Structures are given as structure tokens and as C-alpha cells.
Amino acid sequence: MKIVPVGHALSVFFAITFMLCVIWGLLTPQSMHMHQAWAPLLPGFHWISFPGFLIGLAEAYLYGWYAALLFVPLYNLFNRERM
């Protein structure tokens, strides 16, 4: 498995998920928001400001690369064929 396609796929997935959650938070009542859970996970994210949104989006993208950098080598290690 190659790390670059997995890194881009996970990063875009996390970024899209973040954007959908922000949209959900803007359309629903306060009791259904996720921003309180994001605060410890996304340093610099503040509900809702444009700079905070951009920081959260960038961090979500970087978390995708973090996951790929850990997952792909582990997958390749455990998926290699034994001789």
C-alpha cells in the first residue's frame, strides 16, 4: 500500500467530515453541536470564527496524514508475505 494516496484520501475525508460537522452545527440547535468535543482535539479552533474554521480544517487535514503515516507502514508490515 502506498502512503501518498492513503494520506490524501484520509486527509480529504477528515476535511470533508469537519466541514459537514460545521454546517450541521450551524443548522441545528446548540444541544446538538460537536464544537465542545473539537476544542481539545483541534487547538486554535473556536466556534465559530473564520480563522478558527480555517485552523480546524487544516488540522483535520493534517490528522489525515498523521493517520496515514502510522497506518500504512503498520499495514505493510503485517501484510507482507512470509517465506
PDB file of N, CA and C in Angstrom:
ATOM      1  N   MET A   1       0.851  -1.168   0.000  1.00  0.00           N
ATOM      2  CA  MET A   1       0.000   0.000   0.000  1.00  0.00           C
ATOM      3  C   MET A   1       0.903   1.239   0.000  1.00  0.00           C
ATOM      4  N   LYS A   2       0.559   2.204  -0.819  1.00  0.00           N
ATOM      5  CA  LYS A   2       1.371   3.414  -0.933  1.00  0.00           C
ATOM      6  C   LYS A   2       0.820   4.497  -0.014  1.00  0.00           C
ATOM      7  N   ILE A   3       1.742   5.235   0.599  1.00  0.00           N
ATOM      8  CA  ILE A   3       1.356   6.190   1.629  1.00  0.00           C
ATOM      9  C   ILE A   3       0.714   7.462   1.056  1.00  0.00           C
ATOM     10  N   VAL A   4       1.142   7.920  -0.115  1.00  0.00           N
ATOM     11  CA  VAL A   4       0.638   9.189  -0.651  1.00  0.00           C
ATOM     12  C   VAL A   4      -0.856   9.124  -0.977  1.00  0.00           C
ATOM     13  N   PRO A   5      -1.346   8.111  -1.703  1.00  0.00           N
ATOM     14  CA  PRO A   5      -2.792   8.083  -1.957  1.00  0.00           C
ATOM     15  C   PRO A   5      -3.611   7.923  -0.686  1.00  0.00           C
ATOM     16  N   VAL A   6      -3.112   7.121   0.242  1.00  0.00           N
ATOM     17  CA  VAL A   6      -3.838   6.934   1.508  1.00  0.00           C
ATOM     18  C   VAL A   6      -3.831   8.238   2.303  1.00  0.00           C
ATOM     19  N   GLY A   7      -2.703   8.934   2.322  1.00  0.00           N
ATOM     20  CA  GLY A   7      -2.618  10.208   3.032  1.00  0.00           C
ATOM     21  C   GLY A   7      -3.575  11.243   2.482  1.00  0.00           C
ATOM     22  N   HIS A   8      -3.630  11.361   1.160  1.00  0.00           N
ATOM     23  CA  HIS A   8      -4.559  12.319   0.560  1.00  0.00           C
ATOM     24  C   HIS A   8      -6.010  11.905   0.799  1.00  0.00           C
ATOM     25  N   ALA A   9      -6.297  10.625   0.660  1.00  0.00           N
ATOM     26  CA  ALA A   9      -7.683  10.155   0.843  1.00  0.00           C
ATOM     27  C   ALA A   9      -8.159  10.394   2.269  1.00  0.00           C
ATOM     28  N   LEU A  10      -7.358  10.038   3.256  1.00  0.00           N
ATOM     29  CA  LEU A  10      -7.755  10.250   4.644  1.00  0.00           C
ATOM     30  C   LEU A  10      -7.869  11.731   4.979  1.00  0.00           C
ATOM     31  N   SER A  11      -6.940  12.525   4.470  1.00  0.00           N
ATOM     32  CA  SER A  11      -6.961  13.954   4.754  1.00  0.00           C
ATOM     33  C   SER A  11      -8.193  14.631   4.171  1.00  0.00           C
ATOM     34  N   VAL A  12      -8.532  14.309   2.946  1.00  0.00           N
ATOM     35  CA  VAL A  12      -9.726  14.893   2.330  1.00  0.00           C
ATOM     36  C   VAL A  12     -10.983  14.384   3.034  1.00  0.00           C
ATOM     37  N   PHE A  13     -10.998  13.106   3.409  1.00  0.00           N
ATOM     38  CA  PHE A  13     -12.126  12.562   4.156  1.00  0.00           C
ATOM     39  C   PHE A  13     -12.332  13.316   5.469  1.00  0.00           C
ATOM     40  N   PHE A  14     -11.248  13.531   6.238  1.00  0.00           N
ATOM     41  CA  PHE A  14     -11.363  14.257   7.504  1.00  0.00           C
ATOM     42  C   PHE A  14     -11.772  15.708   7.288  1.00  0.00           C
ATOM     43  N   ALA A  15     -11.254  16.343   6.244  1.00  0.00           N
ATOM     44  CA  ALA A  15     -11.607  17.738   5.959  1.00  0.00           C
ATOM     45  C   ALA A  15     -13.078  17.864   5.571  1.00  0.00           C
ATOM     46  N   ILE A  16     -13.565  16.955   4.741  1.00  0.00           N
ATOM     47  CA  ILE A  16     -14.981  16.978   4.358  1.00  0.00           C
ATOM     48  C   ILE A  16     -15.865  16.712   5.572  1.00  0.00           C
ATOM     49  N   THR A  17     -15.468  15.759   6.395  1.00  0.00           N
ATOM     50  CA  THR A  17     -16.228  15.458   7.606  1.00  0.00           C
ATOM     51  C   THR A  17     -16.278  16.666   8.529  1.00  0.00           C
ATOM     52  N   PHE A  18     -15.157  17.360   8.688  1.00  0.00           N
ATOM     53  CA  PHE A  18     -15.116  18.572   9.508  1.00  0.00           C
ATOM     54  C   PHE A  18     -16.071  19.629   8.961  1.00  0.00           C
ATOM     55  N   MET A  19     -16.030  19.852   7.644  1.00  0.00           N
ATOM     56  CA  MET A  19     -16.919  20.853   7.042  1.00  0.00           C
ATOM     57  C   MET A  19     -18.391  20.481   7.222  1.00  0.00           C
ATOM     58  N   LEU A  20     -18.716  19.203   7.051  1.00  0.00           N
ATOM     59  CA  LEU A  20     -20.098  18.770   7.245  1.00  0.00           C
ATOM     60  C   LEU A  20     -20.547  18.958   8.698  1.00  0.00           C
ATOM     61  N   CYS A  21     -19.647  18.712   9.638  1.00  0.00           N
ATOM     62  CA  CYS A  21     -19.990  18.913  11.047  1.00  0.00           C
ATOM     63  C   CYS A  21     -20.203  20.391  11.369  1.00  0.00           C
ATOM     64  N   VAL A  22     -19.406  21.276  10.766  1.00  0.00           N
ATOM     65  CA  VAL A  22     -19.597  22.714  10.970  1.00  0.00           C
ATOM     66  C   VAL A  22     -20.944  23.146  10.390  1.00  0.00           C
ATOM     67  N   ILE A  23     -21.253  22.669   9.201  1.00  0.00           N
ATOM     68  CA  ILE A  23     -22.549  23.001   8.590  1.00  0.00           C
ATOM     69  C   ILE A  23     -23.682  22.485   9.465  1.00  0.00           C
ATOM     70  N   TRP A  24     -23.543  21.248   9.956  1.00  0.00           N
ATOM     71  CA  TRP A  24     -24.553  20.679  10.860  1.00  0.00           C
ATOM     72  C   TRP A  24     -24.717  21.560  12.103  1.00  0.00           C
ATOM     73  N   GLY A  25     -23.604  22.012  12.659  1.00  0.00           N
ATOM     74  CA  GLY A  25     -23.654  22.859  13.847  1.00  0.00           C
ATOM     75  C   GLY A  25     -24.323  24.192  13.594  1.00  0.00           C
ATOM     76  N   LEU A  26     -24.187  24.716  12.378  1.00  0.00           N
ATOM     77  CA  LEU A  26     -24.835  25.981  12.048  1.00  0.00           C
ATOM     78  C   LEU A  26     -26.338  25.827  11.829  1.00  0.00           C
ATOM     79  N   LEU A  27     -26.769  24.627  11.452  1.00  0.00           N
ATOM     80  CA  LEU A  27     -28.179  24.405  11.119  1.00  0.00           C
ATOM     81  C   LEU A  27     -29.007  23.820  12.251  1.00  0.00           C
ATOM     82  N   THR A  28     -28.366  23.348  13.305  1.00  0.00           N
ATOM     83  CA  THR A  28     -29.094  22.663  14.375  1.00  0.00           C
ATOM     84  C   THR A  28     -29.020  23.447  15.679  1.00  0.00           C
ATOM     85  N   PRO A  29     -29.872  23.072  16.639  1.00  0.00           N
ATOM     86  CA  PRO A  29     -29.839  23.749  17.949  1.00  0.00           C
ATOM     87  C   PRO A  29     -28.520  23.507  18.685  1.00  0.00           C
ATOM     88  N   GLN A  30     -28.246  24.357  19.646  1.00  0.00           N
ATOM     89  CA  GLN A  30     -26.994  24.323  20.407  1.00  0.00           C
ATOM     90  C   GLN A  30     -26.726  22.957  21.036  1.00  0.00           C
ATOM     91  N   SER A  31     -27.745  22.250  21.456  1.00  0.00           N
ATOM     92  CA  SER A  31     -27.557  20.977  22.153  1.00  0.00           C
ATOM     93  C   SER A  31     -27.002  19.872  21.250  1.00  0.00           C
ATOM     94  N   MET A  32     -27.026  20.073  19.933  1.00  0.00           N
ATOM     95  CA  MET A  32     -26.573  19.045  19.002  1.00  0.00           C
ATOM     96  C   MET A  32     -25.213  19.361  18.384  1.00  0.00           C
ATOM     97  N   HIS A  33     -24.500  20.332  18.918  1.00  0.00           N
ATOM     98  CA  HIS A  33     -23.214  20.749  18.345  1.00  0.00           C
ATOM     99  C   HIS A  33     -22.085  19.844  18.804  1.00  0.00           C
ATOM    100  N   MET A  34     -21.040  19.779  17.980  1.00  0.00           N
ATOM    101  CA  MET A  34     -19.852  18.992  18.283  1.00  0.00           C
ATOM    102  C   MET A  34     -18.664  19.862  18.696  1.00  0.00           C
ATOM    103  N   HIS A  35     -18.811  21.184  18.685  1.00  0.00           N
ATOM    104  CA  HIS A  35     -17.646  22.040  18.892  1.00  0.00           C
ATOM    105  C   HIS A  35     -16.994  21.860  20.256  1.00  0.00           C
ATOM    106  N   GLN A  36     -17.741  21.434  21.264  1.00  0.00           N
ATOM    107  CA  GLN A  36     -17.129  21.214  22.577  1.00  0.00           C
ATOM    108  C   GLN A  36     -16.190  20.015  22.550  1.00  0.00           C
ATOM    109  N   ALA A  37     -16.484  19.030  21.723  1.00  0.00           N
ATOM    110  CA  ALA A  37     -15.598  17.868  21.587  1.00  0.00           C
ATOM    111  C   ALA A  37     -14.367  18.207  20.759  1.00  0.00           C
ATOM    112  N   TRP A  38     -14.487  19.167  19.838  1.00  0.00           N
ATOM    113  CA  TRP A  38     -13.358  19.518  18.985  1.00  0.00           C
ATOM    114  C   TRP A  38     -12.303  20.328  19.703  1.00  0.00           C
ATOM    115  N   ALA A  39     -12.682  21.108  20.693  1.00  0.00           N
ATOM    116  CA  ALA A  39     -11.748  22.032  21.345  1.00  0.00           C
ATOM    117  C   ALA A  39     -10.459  21.341  21.807  1.00  0.00           C
ATOM    118  N   PRO A  40     -10.526  20.198  22.486  1.00  0.00           N
ATOM    119  CA  PRO A  40      -9.265  19.571  22.885  1.00  0.00           C
ATOM    120  C   PRO A  40      -8.528  18.898  21.716  1.00  0.00           C
ATOM    121  N   LEU A  41      -9.243  18.547  20.660  1.00  0.00           N
ATOM    122  CA  LEU A  41      -8.633  17.841  19.535  1.00  0.00           C
ATOM    123  C   LEU A  41      -8.050  18.770  18.485  1.00  0.00           C
ATOM    124  N   LEU A  42      -8.594  19.957  18.375  1.00  0.00           N
ATOM    125  CA  LEU A  42      -8.165  20.905  17.349  1.00  0.00           C
ATOM    126  C   LEU A  42      -7.731  22.219  18.005  1.00  0.00           C
ATOM    127  N   PRO A  43      -6.485  22.304  18.472  1.00  0.00           N
ATOM    128  CA  PRO A  43      -6.015  23.537  19.112  1.00  0.00           C
ATOM    129  C   PRO A  43      -6.155  24.741  18.178  1.00  0.00           C
ATOM    130  N   GLY A  44      -6.691  25.815  18.691  1.00  0.00           N
ATOM    131  CA  GLY A  44      -6.885  27.019  17.899  1.00  0.00           C
ATOM    132  C   GLY A  44      -8.256  27.126  17.273  1.00  0.00           C
ATOM    133  N   PHE A  45      -9.051  26.040  17.317  1.00  0.00           N
ATOM    134  CA  PHE A  45     -10.401  26.081  16.766  1.00  0.00           C
ATOM    135  C   PHE A  45     -11.322  26.760  17.760  1.00  0.00           C
ATOM    136  N   HIS A  46     -12.049  27.761  17.275  1.00  0.00           N
ATOM    137  CA  HIS A  46     -13.032  28.461  18.110  1.00  0.00           C
ATOM    138  C   HIS A  46     -14.353  28.488  17.361  1.00  0.00           C
ATOM    139  N   TRP A  47     -15.434  28.195  18.056  1.00  0.00           N
ATOM    140  CA  TRP A  47     -16.760  28.190  17.443  1.00  0.00           C
ATOM    141  C   TRP A  47     -17.298  29.584  17.434  1.00  0.00           C
ATOM    142  N   ILE A  48     -17.772  30.079  16.404  1.00  0.00           N
ATOM    143  CA  ILE A  48     -17.441  29.900  15.022  1.00  0.00           C
ATOM    144  C   ILE A  48     -16.858  31.213  14.560  1.00  0.00           C
ATOM    145  N   SER A  49     -15.638  31.141  14.133  1.00  0.00           N
ATOM    146  CA  SER A  49     -14.973  32.281  13.517  1.00  0.00           C
ATOM    147  C   SER A  49     -14.293  31.765  12.258  1.00  0.00           C
ATOM    148  N   PHE A  50     -14.090  32.629  11.309  1.00  0.00           N
ATOM    149  CA  PHE A  50     -13.471  32.188  10.060  1.00  0.00           C
ATOM    150  C   PHE A  50     -12.037  31.707  10.278  1.00  0.00           C
ATOM    151  N   PRO A  51     -11.211  32.438  11.057  1.00  0.00           N
ATOM    152  CA  PRO A  51      -9.865  31.901  11.324  1.00  0.00           C
ATOM    153  C   PRO A  51      -9.915  30.565  12.067  1.00  0.00           C
ATOM    154  N   GLY A  52     -10.842  30.426  13.005  1.00  0.00           N
ATOM    155  CA  GLY A  52     -10.990  29.161  13.721  1.00  0.00           C
ATOM    156  C   GLY A  52     -11.402  28.034  12.795  1.00  0.00           C
ATOM    157  N   PHE A  53     -12.287  28.326  11.858  1.00  0.00           N
ATOM    158  CA  PHE A  53     -12.698  27.328  10.863  1.00  0.00           C
ATOM    159  C   PHE A  53     -11.517  26.886  10.020  1.00  0.00           C
ATOM    160  N   LEU A  54     -10.712  27.845   9.550  1.00  0.00           N
ATOM    161  CA  LEU A  54      -9.548  27.502   8.717  1.00  0.00           C
ATOM    162  C   LEU A  54      -8.525  26.684   9.498  1.00  0.00           C
ATOM    163  N   ILE A  55      -8.314  27.039  10.756  1.00  0.00           N
ATOM    164  CA  ILE A  55      -7.389  26.262  11.594  1.00  0.00           C
ATOM    165  C   ILE A  55      -7.911  24.844  11.779  1.00  0.00           C
ATOM    166  N   GLY A  56      -9.196  24.713  12.081  1.00  0.00           N
ATOM    167  CA  GLY A  56      -9.790  23.388  12.246  1.00  0.00           C
ATOM    168  C   GLY A  56      -9.713  22.562  10.979  1.00  0.00           C
ATOM    169  N   LEU A  57      -9.946  23.185   9.834  1.00  0.00           N
ATOM    170  CA  LEU A  57      -9.870  22.489   8.551  1.00  0.00           C
ATOM    171  C   LEU A  57      -8.446  22.017   8.269  1.00  0.00           C
ATOM    172  N   ALA A  58      -7.476  22.877   8.512  1.00  0.00           N
ATOM    173  CA  ALA A  58      -6.072  22.497   8.300  1.00  0.00           C
ATOM    174  C   ALA A  58      -5.655  21.371   9.244  1.00  0.00           C
ATOM    175  N   GLU A  59      -6.087  21.457  10.496  1.00  0.00           N
ATOM    176  CA  GLU A  59      -5.731  20.413  11.458  1.00  0.00           C
ATOM    177  C   GLU A  59      -6.405  19.093  11.122  1.00  0.00           C
ATOM    178  N   ALA A  60      -7.638  19.134  10.646  1.00  0.00           N
ATOM    179  CA  ALA A  60      -8.316  17.909  10.215  1.00  0.00           C
ATOM    180  C   ALA A  60      -7.544  17.269   9.063  1.00  0.00           C
ATOM    181  N   TYR A  61      -7.093  18.096   8.127  1.00  0.00           N
ATOM    182  CA  TYR A  61      -6.300  17.585   7.008  1.00  0.00           C
ATOM    183  C   TYR A  61      -4.992  16.955   7.502  1.00  0.00           C
ATOM    184  N   LEU A  62      -4.333  17.613   8.433  1.00  0.00           N
ATOM    185  CA  LEU A  62      -3.074  17.083   8.973  1.00  0.00           C
ATOM    186  C   LEU A  62      -3.286  15.793   9.761  1.00  0.00           C
ATOM    187  N   TYR A  63      -4.403  15.679  10.457  1.00  0.00           N
ATOM    188  CA  TYR A  63      -4.712  14.431  11.161  1.00  0.00           C
ATOM    189  C   TYR A  63      -4.848  13.270  10.179  1.00  0.00           C
ATOM    190  N   GLY A  64      -5.333  13.541   8.982  1.00  0.00           N
ATOM    191  CA  GLY A  64      -5.403  12.500   7.957  1.00  0.00           C
ATOM    192  C   GLY A  64      -4.022  11.987   7.596  1.00  0.00           C
ATOM    193  N   TRP A  65      -3.071  12.904   7.442  1.00  0.00           N
ATOM    194  CA  TRP A  65      -1.699  12.486   7.139  1.00  0.00           C
ATOM    195  C   TRP A  65      -1.062  11.765   8.319  1.00  0.00           C
ATOM    196  N   TYR A  66      -1.365  12.213   9.522  1.00  0.00           N
ATOM    197  CA  TYR A  66      -0.859  11.534  10.713  1.00  0.00           C
ATOM    198  C   TYR A  66      -1.337  10.088  10.739  1.00  0.00           C
ATOM    199  N   ALA A  67      -2.624   9.882  10.480  1.00  0.00           N
ATOM    200  CA  ALA A  67      -3.174   8.525  10.467  1.00  0.00           C
ATOM    201  C   ALA A  67      -2.529   7.687   9.368  1.00  0.00           C
ATOM    202  N   ALA A  68      -2.335   8.262   8.192  1.00  0.00           N
ATOM    203  CA  ALA A  68      -1.714   7.526   7.086  1.00  0.00           C
ATOM    204  C   ALA A  68      -0.263   7.165   7.403  1.00  0.00           C
ATOM    205  N   LEU A  69       0.466   8.095   8.008  1.00  0.00           N
ATOM    206  CA  LEU A  69       1.870   7.841   8.339  1.00  0.00           C
ATOM    207  C   LEU A  69       2.021   6.716   9.358  1.00  0.00           C
ATOM    208  N   LEU A  70       1.027   6.522  10.198  1.00  0.00           N
ATOM    209  CA  LEU A  70       1.060   5.402  11.140  1.00  0.00           C
ATOM    210  C   LEU A  70       0.474   4.128  10.541  1.00  0.00           C
ATOM    211  N   PHE A  71      -0.643   4.267   9.823  1.00  0.00           N
ATOM    212  CA  PHE A  71      -1.378   3.094   9.354  1.00  0.00           C
ATOM    213  C   PHE A  71      -0.664   2.351   8.234  1.00  0.00           C
ATOM    214  N   VAL A  72      -0.197   3.054   7.221  1.00  0.00           N
ATOM    215  CA  VAL A  72       0.363   2.396   6.037  1.00  0.00           C
ATOM    216  C   VAL A  72       1.585   1.546   6.371  1.00  0.00           C
ATOM    217  N   PRO A  73       2.565   2.050   7.112  1.00  0.00           N
ATOM    218  CA  PRO A  73       3.690   1.168   7.447  1.00  0.00           C
ATOM    219  C   PRO A  73       3.268  -0.048   8.287  1.00  0.00           C
ATOM    220  N   LEU A  74       2.332   0.161   9.208  1.00  0.00           N
ATOM    221  CA  LEU A  74       1.851  -0.973  10.000  1.00  0.00           C
ATOM    222  C   LEU A  74       1.122  -1.984   9.126  1.00  0.00           C
ATOM    223  N   TYR A  75       0.291  -1.498   8.226  1.00  0.00           N
ATOM    224  CA  TYR A  75      -0.413  -2.389   7.307  1.00  0.00           C
ATOM    225  C   TYR A  75       0.579  -3.174   6.461  1.00  0.00           C
ATOM    226  N   ASN A  76       1.558  -2.470   5.909  1.00  0.00           N
ATOM    227  CA  ASN A  76       2.557  -3.138   5.073  1.00  0.00           C
ATOM    228  C   ASN A  76       3.375  -4.152   5.876  1.00  0.00           C
ATOM    229  N   LEU A  77       3.670  -3.827   7.107  1.00  0.00           N
ATOM    230  CA  LEU A  77       4.417  -4.765   7.957  1.00  0.00           C
ATOM    231  C   LEU A  77       3.634  -6.057   8.189  1.00  0.00           C
ATOM    232  N   PHE A  78       2.365  -5.920   8.530  1.00  0.00           N
ATOM    233  CA  PHE A  78       1.569  -7.104   8.844  1.00  0.00           C
ATOM    234  C   PHE A  78       1.022  -7.800   7.617  1.00  0.00           C
ATOM    235  N   ASN A  79       1.081  -7.156   6.467  1.00  0.00           N
ATOM    236  CA  ASN A  79       0.535  -7.747   5.247  1.00  0.00           C
ATOM    237  C   ASN A  79       1.609  -8.402   4.375  1.00  0.00           C
ATOM    238  N   ARG A  80       2.863  -8.252   4.734  1.00  0.00           N
ATOM    239  CA  ARG A  80       3.903  -8.846   3.899  1.00  0.00           C
ATOM    240  C   ARG A  80       3.833 -10.379   3.986  1.00  0.00           C
ATOM    241  N   GLU A  81       4.254 -10.990   2.922  1.00  0.00           N
ATOM    242  CA  GLU A  81       4.184 -12.457   2.852  1.00  0.00           C
ATOM    243  C   GLU A  81       5.367 -13.073   3.566  1.00  0.00           C
ATOM    244  N   ARG A  82       5.075 -14.143   4.284  1.00  0.00           N
ATOM    245  CA  ARG A  82       6.119 -14.883   4.995  1.00  0.00           C
ATOM    246  C   ARG A  82       6.727 -15.901   4.059  1.00  0.00           C
ATOM    247  N   MET A  83       8.035 -16.113   4.134  1.00  0.00           N
ATOM    248  CA  MET A  83       8.684 -17.107   3.290  1.00  0.00           C
ATOM    249  C   MET A  83       8.940 -18.375   4.057  1.00  0.00           C
TER     250      MET A  83
END
